[in-house]
């Protein structure tokens, strides 16, 4: 707070004080006081007024400077009411009380919405678990039946994938409560994901090549299996009809990280779409033209990788290939003694 801004707000008080000083001088001259008495009176009025203004200015400036400094140091600005310094002037105390009451109301409102959100998320998770039971039973019935069982199984698998996406999406916002970080073999996670999609891979005649997947990385096996399953699902949607479908999965080790490369020879991603494929609900030209994609799969994958501490990026050339790369950090603290 600048002194001129402070003084501007007190112009009426300064004018009144100046008028009172002038009236006092007139009264002194009217009562035939000497020039010395008048000069001393004027000096005392000026000094007292200046001292009052400066004292009020410096205590207010100190309070607001400490408040702004505390606000700048906070990452979560709404906690400022807990960091407010004590005010030694009336309007500062009123400001502190207002901010405290406002923040308390905000905390209560946010807590109510959080409880509602948590209840909804728990309901969705419970519903997903319940609905997966009849889906699993239908898959088993199709496996034991002939005729059009393969077609039924494919549609039920699509339903199961959609249900799984709902489950992982509801959990992705609170993933830290549902994962265990430990050494996970890339080959084990990839084999589990491939097994879940084995029928679609065989039907499409996809050839799979792997290299270096005997490497262990620090991650959560369940989440990694889901991520690889999403990669396979996208590949199956966007394979080119002009060539035999291929998937190549390799791992490359560096001193500070391990990179997992998932590459297919599908239709590729246009360069204009590439920067946006991890955004929520982004379908791109391929999704709009072909498979009616929801645009949620890679968004969930990106969110999970971020929460697990991994980085993910994509590279693609349209009509040639698409490659997704996950980087797993490495450090000496995770090594056994």
Protein backbone atom coordinates (compact mmCIF):
# COMPACT_ATOMS: atom_id res chain seq x y z
CA UNK A 1 0.00 0.00 0.00
CA UNK A 2 1.58 3.30 -1.11
CA UNK A 3 1.48 6.41 1.08
CA UNK A 4 -0.22 8.47 -1.63
CA UNK A 5 -3.00 5.90 -1.94
CA UNK A 6 -3.39 5.91 1.84
CA UNK A 7 -3.45 9.73 1.90
CA UNK A 8 -5.97 9.92 -0.96
CA UNK A 9 -8.46 7.88 1.09
CA UNK A 10 -8.09 10.40 3.96
CA UNK A 11 -8.45 13.64 1.97
CA UNK A 12 -11.78 14.54 3.72
CA UNK A 13 -10.18 14.07 7.15
CA UNK A 14 -7.12 16.13 6.13
CA UNK A 15 -9.35 18.92 4.80
CA UNK A 16 -11.40 18.98 8.00
CA UNK A 17 -8.21 19.01 10.09
CA UNK A 18 -6.84 21.87 7.96
CA UNK A 19 -10.07 23.83 8.38
CA UNK A 20 -10.00 23.34 12.15
CA UNK A 21 -6.40 24.55 12.21
CA UNK A 22 -7.35 27.67 10.23
CA UNK A 23 -10.27 28.41 12.54
CA UNK A 24 -7.97 28.01 15.55
CA UNK A 25 -5.51 30.52 14.07
CA UNK A 26 -8.34 33.01 13.42
CA UNK A 27 -9.55 32.57 16.99
CA UNK A 28 -6.05 33.16 18.37
CA UNK A 29 -5.65 36.36 16.36
CA UNK A 30 -9.12 37.46 17.46
CA UNK A 31 -8.11 37.07 21.10
CA UNK A 32 -4.97 39.13 20.41
CA UNK A 33 -2.50 36.28 20.98
CA UNK A 34 1.04 36.95 19.91
CA UNK A 35 2.60 35.73 16.69
CA UNK A 36 4.80 33.32 18.63
CA UNK A 37 1.80 31.59 20.23
CA UNK A 38 0.06 31.36 16.85
CA UNK A 39 3.17 29.90 15.20
CA UNK A 40 3.67 27.33 17.97
CA UNK A 41 0.00 26.33 17.77
CA UNK A 42 0.20 25.87 14.00
CA UNK A 43 3.41 23.84 14.35
CA UNK A 44 1.87 21.60 17.01
CA UNK A 45 -1.21 21.03 14.85
CA UNK A 46 0.92 20.13 11.84
CA UNK A 47 3.25 17.82 13.80
CA UNK A 48 0.39 16.05 15.59
CA UNK A 49 -1.50 15.55 12.34
CA UNK A 50 1.56 14.23 10.53
CA UNK A 51 2.42 11.86 13.39
CA UNK A 52 -1.12 10.50 13.48
CA UNK A 53 -1.14 9.96 9.70
CA UNK A 54 2.28 8.31 9.62
CA UNK A 55 1.56 6.07 12.62
CA UNK A 56 -1.73 4.93 11.09
CA UNK A 57 -0.10 4.43 7.70
CA UNK A 58 2.83 2.31 8.95
CA UNK A 59 0.75 -0.01 11.12
CA UNK A 60 -1.69 -0.62 8.27
CA UNK A 61 1.11 -1.08 5.76
CA UNK A 62 2.79 -3.62 8.08
CA UNK A 63 -0.45 -5.60 8.45
CA UNK A 64 -1.22 -5.72 4.72
CA UNK A 65 2.41 -6.46 3.79
CA UNK A 66 2.46 -9.46 6.14
CA UNK A 67 -0.91 -10.61 4.78
CA UNK A 68 0.26 -10.40 1.15
CA UNK A 69 3.53 -12.14 2.02
CA UNK A 70 1.64 -14.99 3.72
CA UNK A 71 -0.67 -15.27 0.70
CA UNK A 72 2.27 -15.45 -1.72
CA UNK A 73 3.87 -18.28 0.27
CA UNK A 74 0.70 -20.38 0.28
CA UNK A 75 0.12 -22.89 -2.50
CA UNK A 76 -3.53 -23.22 -1.48
CA UNK A 77 -4.66 -19.61 -1.25
CA UNK A 78 -7.94 -20.41 0.48
CA UNK A 79 -6.00 -21.18 3.68
CA UNK A 80 -5.09 -17.50 4.11
CA UNK A 81 -7.52 -17.12 7.02
CA UNK A 82 -5.28 -19.46 9.04
CA UNK A 83 -2.21 -17.30 8.30
CA UNK A 84 -3.60 -13.80 8.90
CA UNK A 85 -1.48 -11.66 11.26
CA UNK A 86 -3.07 -9.93 14.23
CA UNK A 87 -4.53 -6.51 13.41
CA UNK A 88 -4.25 -3.64 15.91
CA UNK A 89 -6.87 -1.43 14.23
CA UNK A 90 -10.64 -1.84 14.04
CA UNK A 91 -11.20 -2.34 10.31
CA UNK A 92 -8.29 -4.83 10.19
CA UNK A 93 -9.97 -6.89 12.92
CA UNK A 94 -13.25 -6.75 11.01
CA UNK A 95 -11.45 -7.89 7.84
CA UNK A 96 -9.92 -10.86 9.71
CA UNK A 97 -13.31 -11.86 11.10
CA UNK A 98 -14.94 -11.61 7.66
CA UNK A 99 -12.23 -13.70 6.00
CA UNK A 100 -12.36 -16.31 8.78
CA UNK A 101 -16.14 -16.65 8.50
CA UNK A 102 -15.98 -16.72 4.69
CA UNK A 103 -13.31 -19.45 4.67
CA UNK A 104 -15.20 -21.47 7.27
CA UNK A 105 -18.31 -21.36 5.11
CA UNK A 106 -16.23 -22.37 2.08
CA UNK A 107 -14.68 -25.32 3.99
CA UNK A 108 -18.12 -26.56 5.00
CA UNK A 109 -19.44 -26.21 1.45
CA UNK A 110 -16.44 -28.01 -0.05
CA UNK A 111 -16.68 -30.77 2.58
CA UNK A 112 -20.35 -31.30 1.73
CA UNK A 113 -19.58 -31.55 -1.99
CA UNK A 114 -16.67 -33.91 -1.27
CA UNK A 115 -18.91 -36.18 0.78
CA UNK A 116 -21.45 -36.19 -2.03
CA UNK A 117 -18.73 -36.92 -4.60
CA UNK A 118 -17.27 -39.72 -2.47
CA UNK A 119 -20.71 -41.28 -2.02
CA UNK A 120 -21.33 -41.16 -5.76
CA UNK A 121 -17.90 -42.66 -6.52
CA UNK A 122 -18.46 -45.49 -4.02
CA UNK A 123 -21.86 -46.19 -5.56
CA UNK A 124 -20.36 -46.33 -9.06
CA UNK A 125 -17.61 -48.70 -7.89
CA UNK A 126 -20.19 -50.94 -6.20
CA UNK A 127 -22.38 -50.87 -9.32
CA UNK A 128 -19.44 -51.79 -11.53
CA UNK A 129 -18.55 -54.76 -9.36
CA UNK A 130 -22.17 -55.91 -9.36
CA UNK A 131 -22.61 -55.58 -13.14
CA UNK A 132 -19.38 -57.39 -13.89
CA UNK A 133 -20.74 -60.59 -12.35
CA UNK A 134 -23.52 -61.15 -14.94
CA UNK A 135 -21.15 -60.04 -17.71
CA UNK A 136 -18.63 -62.68 -16.61
CA UNK A 137 -21.43 -65.27 -16.48
CA UNK A 138 -22.53 -64.37 -20.02
CA UNK A 139 -18.96 -64.70 -21.27
CA UNK A 140 -18.73 -68.15 -19.73
CA UNK A 141 -22.05 -69.16 -21.30
CA UNK A 142 -20.85 -67.95 -24.72
CA UNK A 143 -17.64 -69.91 -24.29
CA UNK A 144 -19.64 -73.10 -23.71
CA UNK A 145 -22.10 -72.45 -26.50
CA UNK A 146 -21.74 -72.68 -30.27
CA UNK A 147 -23.43 -70.82 -33.05
CA UNK A 148 -23.06 -67.09 -32.76
CA UNK A 149 -21.25 -67.32 -29.44
CA UNK A 150 -18.18 -65.56 -30.85
CA UNK A 151 -20.24 -62.55 -31.92
CA UNK A 152 -22.00 -62.42 -28.56
CA UNK A 153 -18.67 -62.73 -26.78
CA UNK A 154 -17.23 -59.81 -28.74
CA UNK A 155 -20.13 -57.53 -27.83
CA UNK A 156 -20.04 -58.59 -24.19
CA UNK A 157 -16.31 -57.90 -24.17
CA UNK A 158 -17.01 -54.39 -25.40
CA UNK A 159 -19.53 -53.92 -22.59
CA UNK A 160 -16.96 -55.23 -20.11
CA UNK A 161 -14.35 -52.79 -21.42
CA UNK A 162 -16.75 -49.87 -21.06
CA UNK A 163 -17.55 -50.92 -17.50
CA UNK A 164 -13.86 -51.18 -16.72
CA UNK A 165 -13.28 -47.69 -18.10
CA UNK A 166 -15.97 -46.34 -15.76
CA UNK A 167 -14.33 -48.09 -12.79
CA UNK A 168 -10.84 -46.85 -13.57
CA UNK A 169 -12.08 -43.33 -14.30
CA UNK A 170 -13.88 -43.06 -10.94
CA UNK A 171 -10.76 -44.32 -9.18
CA UNK A 172 -8.24 -42.27 -11.15
CA UNK A 173 -9.02 -39.11 -9.17
CA UNK A 174 -8.07 -40.93 -5.96
CA UNK A 175 -5.58 -43.43 -7.37
CA UNK A 176 -3.21 -43.01 -4.43
CA UNK A 177 -5.69 -44.97 -2.28
CA UNK A 178 -5.78 -47.92 -4.64
CA UNK A 179 -2.27 -48.72 -5.84
CA UNK A 180 0.78 -50.50 -4.53
CA UNK A 181 4.15 -49.53 -5.98
CA UNK A 182 6.54 -52.45 -6.31
CA UNK A 183 8.73 -54.25 -8.85
CA UNK A 184 6.57 -55.40 -11.76
CA UNK A 185 7.83 -57.43 -14.71
CA UNK A 186 6.80 -55.77 -17.96
CA UNK A 187 6.31 -59.19 -19.53
CA UNK A 188 3.81 -60.21 -16.86
CA UNK A 189 1.73 -57.05 -17.26
CA UNK A 190 1.81 -57.30 -21.06
CA UNK A 191 0.85 -60.99 -21.06
CA UNK A 192 -2.10 -60.28 -18.75
CA UNK A 193 -3.32 -57.48 -21.03
CA UNK A 194 -2.87 -59.63 -24.15
CA UNK A 195 -4.76 -62.53 -22.55
CA UNK A 196 -7.76 -60.28 -21.91
CA UNK A 197 -7.80 -59.27 -25.58
CA UNK A 198 -6.79 -62.66 -27.03
CA UNK A 199 -10.06 -63.24 -28.90
CA UNK A 200 -9.96 -59.88 -30.67
CA UNK A 201 -6.25 -60.23 -31.45
CA UNK A 202 -6.78 -63.66 -33.00
CA UNK A 203 -9.84 -62.59 -34.94
CA UNK A 204 -7.98 -59.65 -36.42
CA UNK A 205 -4.89 -61.79 -37.08
CA UNK A 206 -2.54 -59.48 -35.18
CA UNK A 207 1.10 -60.52 -35.01
CA UNK A 208 2.86 -59.49 -31.80
CA UNK A 209 6.57 -58.97 -31.34
CA UNK A 210 8.18 -58.25 -27.96
CA UNK A 211 11.73 -57.50 -26.91
CA UNK A 212 13.32 -56.69 -23.56
CA UNK A 213 10.18 -57.18 -21.50
CA UNK A 214 12.02 -59.22 -18.88
CA UNK A 215 12.76 -55.86 -17.25
CA UNK A 216 11.19 -54.95 -13.91
CA UNK A 217 9.91 -51.42 -13.23
CA UNK A 218 8.54 -49.71 -10.13
CA UNK A 219 4.81 -49.30 -10.70
CA UNK A 220 1.44 -50.81 -9.85
CA UNK A 221 0.81 -54.00 -11.82
CA UNK A 222 -2.97 -53.60 -12.04
CA UNK A 223 -2.80 -50.05 -13.35
CA UNK A 224 -0.05 -50.95 -15.84
CA UNK A 225 -2.10 -53.88 -17.10
CA UNK A 226 -5.05 -51.54 -17.67
CA UNK A 227 -2.82 -49.03 -19.50
CA UNK A 228 -1.46 -51.69 -21.85
CA UNK A 229 -5.00 -52.97 -22.40
CA UNK A 230 -6.03 -49.48 -23.51
CA UNK A 231 -3.12 -49.38 -25.94
CA UNK A 232 -4.22 -52.70 -27.44
CA UNK A 233 -7.85 -51.60 -27.62
CA UNK A 234 -6.87 -48.47 -29.55
CA UNK A 235 -4.64 -50.48 -31.90
CA UNK A 236 -7.49 -52.90 -32.65
CA UNK A 237 -9.78 -49.96 -33.48
CA UNK A 238 -7.39 -48.23 -35.87
CA UNK A 239 -5.54 -50.95 -37.78
CA UNK A 240 -5.24 -50.22 -41.47
CA UNK A 241 -7.11 -52.61 -43.82
CA UNK A 242 -4.29 -52.28 -46.35
CA UNK A 243 -1.67 -54.33 -44.45
CA UNK A 244 -1.30 -57.13 -41.95
CA UNK A 245 -1.75 -55.78 -38.42
CA UNK A 246 1.33 -55.79 -36.21
CA UNK A 247 2.09 -54.77 -32.63
CA UNK A 248 5.65 -54.38 -31.40
CA UNK A 249 6.36 -53.87 -27.71
CA UNK A 250 9.91 -53.20 -26.55
CA UNK A 251 11.67 -51.95 -23.43
CA UNK A 252 14.79 -49.83 -23.41
CA UNK A 253 16.87 -49.13 -20.30
CA UNK A 254 18.69 -45.90 -19.51
CA UNK A 255 20.67 -44.88 -16.41
CA UNK A 256 17.77 -42.82 -15.02
CA UNK A 257 14.72 -44.51 -16.54
CA UNK A 258 13.19 -47.43 -18.39
CA UNK A 259 11.14 -46.73 -21.50
CA UNK A 260 8.35 -48.98 -22.72
CA UNK A 261 7.53 -48.57 -26.42
CA UNK A 262 4.16 -49.76 -27.73
CA UNK A 263 4.01 -49.49 -31.52
CA UNK A 264 1.44 -50.58 -34.08
CA UNK A 265 1.28 -50.23 -37.86
CA UNK A 266 -2.24 -48.83 -37.89
CA UNK A 267 -3.66 -45.82 -39.66
CA UNK A 268 -1.67 -43.41 -37.50
CA UNK A 269 -2.65 -40.07 -35.98
CA UNK A 270 -2.74 -36.83 -37.97
CA UNK A 271 -0.10 -34.35 -36.82
CA UNK A 272 -2.83 -31.80 -36.10
CA UNK A 273 -4.45 -34.22 -33.60
CA UNK A 274 -1.26 -35.48 -31.94
CA UNK A 275 -0.88 -32.71 -29.29
CA UNK A 276 -4.43 -33.27 -28.03
CA UNK A 277 -4.83 -37.07 -27.82
CA UNK A 278 -4.44 -37.11 -24.01
CA UNK A 279 -7.10 -34.47 -23.46
CA UNK A 280 -10.46 -35.40 -22.01
CA UNK A 281 -13.10 -36.45 -24.57
CA UNK A 282 -10.85 -35.67 -27.54
CA UNK A 283 -11.71 -38.11 -30.34
CA UNK A 284 -9.84 -36.63 -33.29
CA UNK A 285 -10.54 -37.29 -36.94
CA UNK A 286 -9.99 -41.06 -36.61
CA UNK A 287 -12.51 -41.36 -33.79
CA UNK A 288 -15.15 -39.35 -35.63
CA UNK A 289 -14.75 -41.18 -38.92
CA UNK A 290 -14.48 -44.75 -37.74
CA UNK A 291 -15.04 -46.31 -34.35
CA UNK A 292 -17.07 -43.65 -32.50
CA UNK A 293 -14.41 -43.26 -29.84
CA UNK A 294 -15.31 -41.61 -26.53
CA UNK A 295 -11.89 -40.00 -26.19
CA UNK A 296 -11.63 -41.13 -22.55
CA UNK A 297 -9.18 -44.06 -22.77
CA UNK A 298 -5.96 -42.12 -23.31
CA UNK A 299 -7.13 -39.37 -20.97
CA UNK A 300 -7.46 -41.92 -18.14
CA UNK A 301 -4.11 -43.44 -19.10
CA UNK A 302 -2.41 -40.02 -18.99
CA UNK A 303 -4.01 -39.26 -15.62
CA UNK A 304 -2.90 -42.58 -14.14
CA UNK A 305 0.66 -42.20 -15.44
CA UNK A 306 0.86 -38.73 -13.91
CA UNK A 307 -0.34 -39.98 -10.52
CA UNK A 308 2.03 -42.97 -10.64
CA UNK A 309 4.97 -40.69 -11.42
CA UNK A 310 5.46 -41.92 -14.99
CA UNK A 311 5.59 -39.80 -18.12
CA UNK A 312 3.87 -40.70 -21.37
CA UNK A 313 4.22 -39.35 -24.88
CA UNK A 314 3.13 -40.32 -28.38
CA UNK A 315 4.69 -40.33 -31.81
CA UNK A 316 2.89 -41.09 -35.04
CA UNK A 317 3.03 -40.80 -38.81
CA UNK A 318 -0.32 -40.98 -40.52
CA UNK A 319 -0.87 -44.16 -42.56
CA UNK A 320 2.35 -45.66 -41.14
CA UNK A 321 2.46 -46.17 -37.36
CA UNK A 322 1.53 -44.99 -33.89
CA UNK A 323 3.95 -45.34 -30.98
CA UNK A 324 3.18 -44.70 -27.31
CA UNK A 325 6.10 -44.41 -24.90
CA UNK A 326 5.95 -44.67 -21.10
CA UNK A 327 8.99 -43.64 -19.04
CA UNK A 328 9.43 -45.31 -15.65
CA UNK A 329 11.81 -43.50 -13.32
CA UNK A 330 14.67 -45.37 -11.68
CA UNK A 331 16.56 -44.71 -8.46
CA UNK A 332 18.89 -46.53 -6.09
CA UNK A 333 16.49 -46.35 -3.14
CA UNK A 334 14.28 -49.06 -4.59
CA UNK A 335 17.14 -51.54 -5.03
CA UNK A 336 17.34 -54.40 -2.50
CA UNK A 337 20.29 -54.26 -0.11
